[in-house]
Amino acid sequence: MTVVETIERAVEQLPTNELARFRDWFVKFDEAAWDAQIEADAVAGKLDAFAAEALQEYSEGKAREL
């Protein structure tokens, strides 16, 4: 059995209140992981092309207020 399968089975066994606590924890964990990945990508310059494209479109008047 893989680690993921073990975790899946453990989660399936959680009582409702513990499942809610786990869900809240996992959302925060996942958000932090996403933020870290975006930050790493930004530092590595992986988002530079997207930013340049957005600025180009803005300077050409292709942007609109949200």
PDB file of N, CA and C in Angstrom:
ATOM      1  N   MET A   1       0.843  -1.174   0.000  1.00  0.00           N
ATOM      2  CA  MET A   1       0.000   0.000   0.000  1.00  0.00           C
ATOM      3  C   MET A   1       0.895   1.247   0.000  1.00  0.00           C
ATOM      4  N   THR A   2       0.559   2.206  -0.838  1.00  0.00           N
ATOM      5  CA  THR A   2       1.340   3.437  -0.922  1.00  0.00           C
ATOM      6  C   THR A   2       0.984   4.363   0.234  1.00  0.00           C
ATOM      7  N   VAL A   3       1.816   5.371   0.417  1.00  0.00           N
ATOM      8  CA  VAL A   3       1.545   6.363   1.457  1.00  0.00           C
ATOM      9  C   VAL A   3       0.215   7.058   1.188  1.00  0.00           C
ATOM     10  N   VAL A   4      -0.036   7.391  -0.071  1.00  0.00           N
ATOM     11  CA  VAL A   4      -1.290   8.069  -0.422  1.00  0.00           C
ATOM     12  C   VAL A   4      -2.484   7.181  -0.101  1.00  0.00           C
ATOM     13  N   GLU A   5      -2.391   5.916  -0.416  1.00  0.00           N
ATOM     14  CA  GLU A   5      -3.487   4.996  -0.104  1.00  0.00           C
ATOM     15  C   GLU A   5      -3.706   4.900   1.403  1.00  0.00           C
ATOM     16  N   THR A   6      -2.634   4.896   2.164  1.00  0.00           N
ATOM     17  CA  THR A   6      -2.748   4.859   3.623  1.00  0.00           C
ATOM     18  C   THR A   6      -3.447   6.109   4.134  1.00  0.00           C
ATOM     19  N   ILE A   7      -3.059   7.261   3.596  1.00  0.00           N
ATOM     20  CA  ILE A   7      -3.699   8.523   3.997  1.00  0.00           C
ATOM     21  C   ILE A   7      -5.172   8.523   3.602  1.00  0.00           C
ATOM     22  N   GLU A   8      -5.471   8.071   2.400  1.00  0.00           N
ATOM     23  CA  GLU A   8      -6.862   8.015   1.943  1.00  0.00           C
ATOM     24  C   GLU A   8      -7.709   7.189   2.892  1.00  0.00           C
ATOM     25  N   ARG A   9      -7.206   6.029   3.261  1.00  0.00           N
ATOM     26  CA  ARG A   9      -7.957   5.156   4.166  1.00  0.00           C
ATOM     27  C   ARG A   9      -8.134   5.803   5.541  1.00  0.00           C
ATOM     28  N   ALA A  10      -7.091   6.473   6.019  1.00  0.00           N
ATOM     29  CA  ALA A  10      -7.188   7.149   7.312  1.00  0.00           C
ATOM     30  C   ALA A  10      -8.230   8.264   7.259  1.00  0.00           C
ATOM     31  N   VAL A  11      -8.230   9.024   6.180  1.00  0.00           N
ATOM     32  CA  VAL A  11      -9.198  10.115   6.029  1.00  0.00           C
ATOM     33  C   VAL A  11     -10.618   9.555   5.973  1.00  0.00           C
ATOM     34  N   GLU A  12     -10.797   8.445   5.289  1.00  0.00           N
ATOM     35  CA  GLU A  12     -12.117   7.820   5.202  1.00  0.00           C
ATOM     36  C   GLU A  12     -12.638   7.400   6.572  1.00  0.00           C
ATOM     37  N   GLN A  13     -11.754   7.151   7.510  1.00  0.00           N
ATOM     38  CA  GLN A  13     -12.144   6.691   8.838  1.00  0.00           C
ATOM     39  C   GLN A  13     -12.397   7.828   9.827  1.00  0.00           C
ATOM     40  N   LEU A  14     -12.096   9.060   9.429  1.00  0.00           N
ATOM     41  CA  LEU A  14     -12.243  10.181  10.352  1.00  0.00           C
ATOM     42  C   LEU A  14     -13.714  10.447  10.678  1.00  0.00           C
ATOM     43  N   PRO A  15     -13.999  10.711  11.953  1.00  0.00           N
ATOM     44  CA  PRO A  15     -15.355  11.151  12.293  1.00  0.00           C
ATOM     45  C   PRO A  15     -15.607  12.537  11.692  1.00  0.00           C
ATOM     46  N   THR A  16     -16.841  12.910  11.586  1.00  0.00           N
ATOM     47  CA  THR A  16     -17.234  14.149  10.912  1.00  0.00           C
ATOM     48  C   THR A  16     -16.487  15.369  11.432  1.00  0.00           C
ATOM     49  N   ASN A  17     -16.390  15.513  12.751  1.00  0.00           N
ATOM     50  CA  ASN A  17     -15.724  16.706  13.302  1.00  0.00           C
ATOM     51  C   ASN A  17     -14.225  16.704  12.985  1.00  0.00           C
ATOM     52  N   GLU A  18     -13.599  15.541  13.008  1.00  0.00           N
ATOM     53  CA  GLU A  18     -12.180  15.456  12.670  1.00  0.00           C
ATOM     54  C   GLU A  18     -11.954  15.671  11.167  1.00  0.00           C
ATOM     55  N   LEU A  19     -12.885  15.215  10.361  1.00  0.00           N
ATOM     56  CA  LEU A  19     -12.790  15.447   8.919  1.00  0.00           C
ATOM     57  C   LEU A  19     -12.860  16.944   8.628  1.00  0.00           C
ATOM     58  N   ALA A  20     -13.727  17.654   9.322  1.00  0.00           N
ATOM     59  CA  ALA A  20     -13.828  19.103   9.141  1.00  0.00           C
ATOM     60  C   ALA A  20     -12.518  19.788   9.536  1.00  0.00           C
ATOM     61  N   ARG A  21     -11.922  19.366  10.648  1.00  0.00           N
ATOM     62  CA  ARG A  21     -10.639  19.929  11.070  1.00  0.00           C
ATOM     63  C   ARG A  21      -9.555  19.632  10.050  1.00  0.00           C
ATOM     64  N   PHE A  22      -9.536  18.403   9.529  1.00  0.00           N
ATOM     65  CA  PHE A  22      -8.548  18.029   8.513  1.00  0.00           C
ATOM     66  C   PHE A  22      -8.735  18.860   7.251  1.00  0.00           C
ATOM     67  N   ARG A  23      -9.976  19.020   6.839  1.00  0.00           N
ATOM     68  CA  ARG A  23     -10.267  19.789   5.628  1.00  0.00           C
ATOM     69  C   ARG A  23      -9.767  21.221   5.776  1.00  0.00           C
ATOM     70  N   ASP A  24     -10.038  21.844   6.930  1.00  0.00           N
ATOM     71  CA  ASP A  24      -9.567  23.206   7.172  1.00  0.00           C
ATOM     72  C   ASP A  24      -8.044  23.277   7.128  1.00  0.00           C
ATOM     73  N   TRP A  25      -7.384  22.306   7.767  1.00  0.00           N
ATOM     74  CA  TRP A  25      -5.917  22.272   7.760  1.00  0.00           C
ATOM     75  C   TRP A  25      -5.398  22.109   6.338  1.00  0.00           C
ATOM     76  N   PHE A  26      -6.001  21.198   5.569  1.00  0.00           N
ATOM     77  CA  PHE A  26      -5.496  20.925   4.239  1.00  0.00           C
ATOM     78  C   PHE A  26      -5.664  22.128   3.318  1.00  0.00           C
ATOM     79  N   VAL A  27      -6.754  22.845   3.442  1.00  0.00           N
ATOM     80  CA  VAL A  27      -6.946  24.042   2.620  1.00  0.00           C
ATOM     81  C   VAL A  27      -5.821  25.031   2.883  1.00  0.00           C
ATOM     82  N   LYS A  28      -5.497  25.259   4.156  1.00  0.00           N
ATOM     83  CA  LYS A  28      -4.414  26.182   4.497  1.00  0.00           C
ATOM     84  C   LYS A  28      -3.072  25.654   3.987  1.00  0.00           C
ATOM     85  N   PHE A  29      -2.832  24.369   4.145  1.00  0.00           N
ATOM     86  CA  PHE A  29      -1.603  23.741   3.661  1.00  0.00           C
ATOM     87  C   PHE A  29      -1.475  23.905   2.152  1.00  0.00           C
ATOM     88  N   ASP A  30      -2.543  23.630   1.423  1.00  0.00           N
ATOM     89  CA  ASP A  30      -2.537  23.716  -0.031  1.00  0.00           C
ATOM     90  C   ASP A  30      -2.337  25.153  -0.497  1.00  0.00           C
ATOM     91  N   GLU A  31      -2.984  26.104   0.173  1.00  0.00           N
ATOM     92  CA  GLU A  31      -2.813  27.514  -0.183  1.00  0.00           C
ATOM     93  C   GLU A  31      -1.368  27.955   0.022  1.00  0.00           C
ATOM     94  N   ALA A  32      -0.752  27.519   1.112  1.00  0.00           N
ATOM     95  CA  ALA A  32       0.645  27.881   1.384  1.00  0.00           C
ATOM     96  C   ALA A  32       1.576  27.284   0.329  1.00  0.00           C
ATOM     97  N   ALA A  33       1.308  26.050  -0.070  1.00  0.00           N
ATOM     98  CA  ALA A  33       2.122  25.404  -1.103  1.00  0.00           C
ATOM     99  C   ALA A  33       1.979  26.153  -2.432  1.00  0.00           C
ATOM    100  N   TRP A  34       0.761  26.549  -2.768  1.00  0.00           N
ATOM    101  CA  TRP A  34       0.512  27.307  -4.002  1.00  0.00           C
ATOM    102  C   TRP A  34       1.238  28.648  -3.967  1.00  0.00           C
ATOM    103  N   ASP A  35       1.135  29.357  -2.838  1.00  0.00           N
ATOM    104  CA  ASP A  35       1.815  30.644  -2.696  1.00  0.00           C
ATOM    105  C   ASP A  35       3.328  30.484  -2.855  1.00  0.00           C
ATOM    106  N   ALA A  36       3.881  29.435  -2.257  1.00  0.00           N
ATOM    107  CA  ALA A  36       5.320  29.193  -2.361  1.00  0.00           C
ATOM    108  C   ALA A  36       5.728  28.915  -3.809  1.00  0.00           C
ATOM    109  N   GLN A  37       4.905  28.181  -4.537  1.00  0.00           N
ATOM    110  CA  GLN A  37       5.211  27.878  -5.930  1.00  0.00           C
ATOM    111  C   GLN A  37       5.153  29.133  -6.792  1.00  0.00           C
ATOM    112  N   ILE A  38       4.142  29.957  -6.582  1.00  0.00           N
ATOM    113  CA  ILE A  38       4.033  31.217  -7.340  1.00  0.00           C
ATOM    114  C   ILE A  38       5.231  32.105  -7.048  1.00  0.00           C
ATOM    115  N   GLU A  39       5.602  32.199  -5.768  1.00  0.00           N
ATOM    116  CA  GLU A  39       6.759  33.021  -5.391  1.00  0.00           C
ATOM    117  C   GLU A  39       8.031  32.503  -6.061  1.00  0.00           C
ATOM    118  N   ALA A  40       8.229  31.197  -6.028  1.00  0.00           N
ATOM    119  CA  ALA A  40       9.418  30.604  -6.653  1.00  0.00           C
ATOM    120  C   ALA A  40       9.420  30.860  -8.157  1.00  0.00           C
ATOM    121  N   ASP A  41       8.268  30.724  -8.788  1.00  0.00           N
ATOM    122  CA  ASP A  41       8.176  30.979 -10.227  1.00  0.00           C
ATOM    123  C   ASP A  41       8.467  32.442 -10.544  1.00  0.00           C
ATOM    124  N   ALA A  42       7.971  33.350  -9.698  1.00  0.00           N
ATOM    125  CA  ALA A  42       8.217  34.774  -9.920  1.00  0.00           C
ATOM    126  C   ALA A  42       9.706  35.088  -9.791  1.00  0.00           C
ATOM    127  N   VAL A  43      10.333  34.562  -8.749  1.00  0.00           N
ATOM    128  CA  VAL A  43      11.764  34.799  -8.535  1.00  0.00           C
ATOM    129  C   VAL A  43      12.580  34.224  -9.692  1.00  0.00           C
ATOM    130  N   ALA A  44      12.142  33.083 -10.222  1.00  0.00           N
ATOM    131  CA  ALA A  44      12.866  32.433 -11.322  1.00  0.00           C
ATOM    132  C   ALA A  44      12.593  33.084 -12.674  1.00  0.00           C
ATOM    133  N   GLY A  45      11.694  34.077 -12.707  1.00  0.00           N
ATOM    134  CA  GLY A  45      11.402  34.768 -13.952  1.00  0.00           C
ATOM    135  C   GLY A  45      10.394  34.057 -14.842  1.00  0.00           C
ATOM    136  N   LYS A  46       9.754  33.026 -14.320  1.00  0.00           N
ATOM    137  CA  LYS A  46       8.818  32.253 -15.143  1.00  0.00           C
ATOM    138  C   LYS A  46       7.533  33.013 -15.467  1.00  0.00           C
ATOM    139  N   LEU A  47       7.292  34.112 -14.753  1.00  0.00           N
ATOM    140  CA  LEU A  47       6.070  34.888 -14.997  1.00  0.00           C
ATOM    141  C   LEU A  47       6.342  36.163 -15.794  1.00  0.00           C
ATOM    142  N   ASP A  48       7.606  36.398 -16.110  1.00  0.00           N
ATOM    143  CA  ASP A  48       7.985  37.629 -16.798  1.00  0.00           C
ATOM    144  C   ASP A  48       7.274  37.807 -18.143  1.00  0.00           C
ATOM    145  N   ALA A  49       7.142  36.739 -18.902  1.00  0.00           N
ATOM    146  CA  ALA A  49       6.491  36.833 -20.213  1.00  0.00           C
ATOM    147  C   ALA A  49       5.021  37.220 -20.066  1.00  0.00           C
ATOM    148  N   PHE A  50       4.368  36.669 -19.046  1.00  0.00           N
ATOM    149  CA  PHE A  50       2.957  37.011 -18.816  1.00  0.00           C
ATOM    150  C   PHE A  50       2.814  38.485 -18.424  1.00  0.00           C
ATOM    151  N   ALA A  51       3.716  38.948 -17.566  1.00  0.00           N
ATOM    152  CA  ALA A  51       3.679  40.349 -17.148  1.00  0.00           C
ATOM    153  C   ALA A  51       3.937  41.267 -18.337  1.00  0.00           C
ATOM    154  N   ALA A  52       4.898  40.930 -19.165  1.00  0.00           N
ATOM    155  CA  ALA A  52       5.214  41.745 -20.336  1.00  0.00           C
ATOM    156  C   ALA A  52       4.027  41.807 -21.287  1.00  0.00           C
ATOM    157  N   GLU A  53       3.372  40.672 -21.474  1.00  0.00           N
ATOM    158  CA  GLU A  53       2.196  40.635 -22.351  1.00  0.00           C
ATOM    159  C   GLU A  53       1.075  41.511 -21.792  1.00  0.00           C
ATOM    160  N   ALA A  54       0.858  41.432 -20.501  1.00  0.00           N
ATOM    161  CA  ALA A  54      -0.195  42.233 -19.871  1.00  0.00           C
ATOM    162  C   ALA A  54       0.117  43.722 -19.985  1.00  0.00           C
ATOM    163  N   LEU A  55       1.358  44.091 -19.745  1.00  0.00           N
ATOM    164  CA  LEU A  55       1.740  45.499 -19.858  1.00  0.00           C
ATOM    165  C   LEU A  55       1.618  45.992 -21.295  1.00  0.00           C
ATOM    166  N   GLN A  56       1.965  45.161 -22.250  1.00  0.00           N
ATOM    167  CA  GLN A  56       1.840  45.518 -23.657  1.00  0.00           C
ATOM    168  C   GLN A  56       0.367  45.764 -24.015  1.00  0.00           C
ATOM    169  N   GLU A  57      -0.485  44.859 -23.597  1.00  0.00           N
ATOM    170  CA  GLU A  57      -1.917  45.018 -23.882  1.00  0.00           C
ATOM    171  C   GLU A  57      -2.472  46.263 -23.201  1.00  0.00           C
ATOM    172  N   TYR A  58      -1.992  46.545 -21.992  1.00  0.00           N
ATOM    173  CA  TYR A  58      -2.452  47.747 -21.285  1.00  0.00           C
ATOM    174  C   TYR A  58      -2.017  48.995 -22.046  1.00  0.00           C
ATOM    175  N   SER A  59      -0.775  49.019 -22.478  1.00  0.00           N
ATOM    176  CA  SER A  59      -0.274  50.205 -23.194  1.00  0.00           C
ATOM    177  C   SER A  59      -0.970  50.389 -24.539  1.00  0.00           C
ATOM    178  N   GLU A  60      -1.501  49.315 -25.101  1.00  0.00           N
ATOM    179  CA  GLU A  60      -2.223  49.391 -26.370  1.00  0.00           C
ATOM    180  C   GLU A  60      -3.703  49.692 -26.162  1.00  0.00           C
ATOM    181  N   GLY A  61      -4.100  49.905 -24.918  1.00  0.00           N
ATOM    182  CA  GLY A  61      -5.497  50.230 -24.617  1.00  0.00           C
ATOM    183  C   GLY A  61      -6.439  49.043 -24.664  1.00  0.00           C
ATOM    184  N   LYS A  62      -5.904  47.850 -24.575  1.00  0.00           N
ATOM    185  CA  LYS A  62      -6.725  46.638 -24.640  1.00  0.00           C
ATOM    186  C   LYS A  62      -7.240  46.207 -23.270  1.00  0.00           C
ATOM    187  N   ALA A  63      -6.865  46.950 -22.230  1.00  0.00           N
ATOM    188  CA  ALA A  63      -7.296  46.593 -20.860  1.00  0.00           C
ATOM    189  C   ALA A  63      -8.567  47.356 -20.515  1.00  0.00           C
ATOM    190  N   ARG A  64      -9.275  46.845 -19.543  1.00  0.00           N
ATOM    191  CA  ARG A  64     -10.470  47.557 -19.087  1.00  0.00           C
ATOM    192  C   ARG A  64     -10.523  47.486 -17.572  1.00  0.00           C
ATOM    193  N   GLU A  65     -11.224  48.412 -16.965  1.00  0.00           N
ATOM    194  CA  GLU A  65     -11.377  48.460 -15.528  1.00  0.00           C
ATOM    195  C   GLU A  65     -12.191  47.264 -15.059  1.00  0.00           C
ATOM    196  N   LEU A  66     -11.820  46.741 -13.919  1.00  0.00           N
ATOM    197  CA  LEU A  66     -12.601  45.641 -13.338  1.00  0.00           C
ATOM    198  C   LEU A  66     -13.574  46.145 -12.324  1.00  0.00           C
TER     199      LEU A  66
END
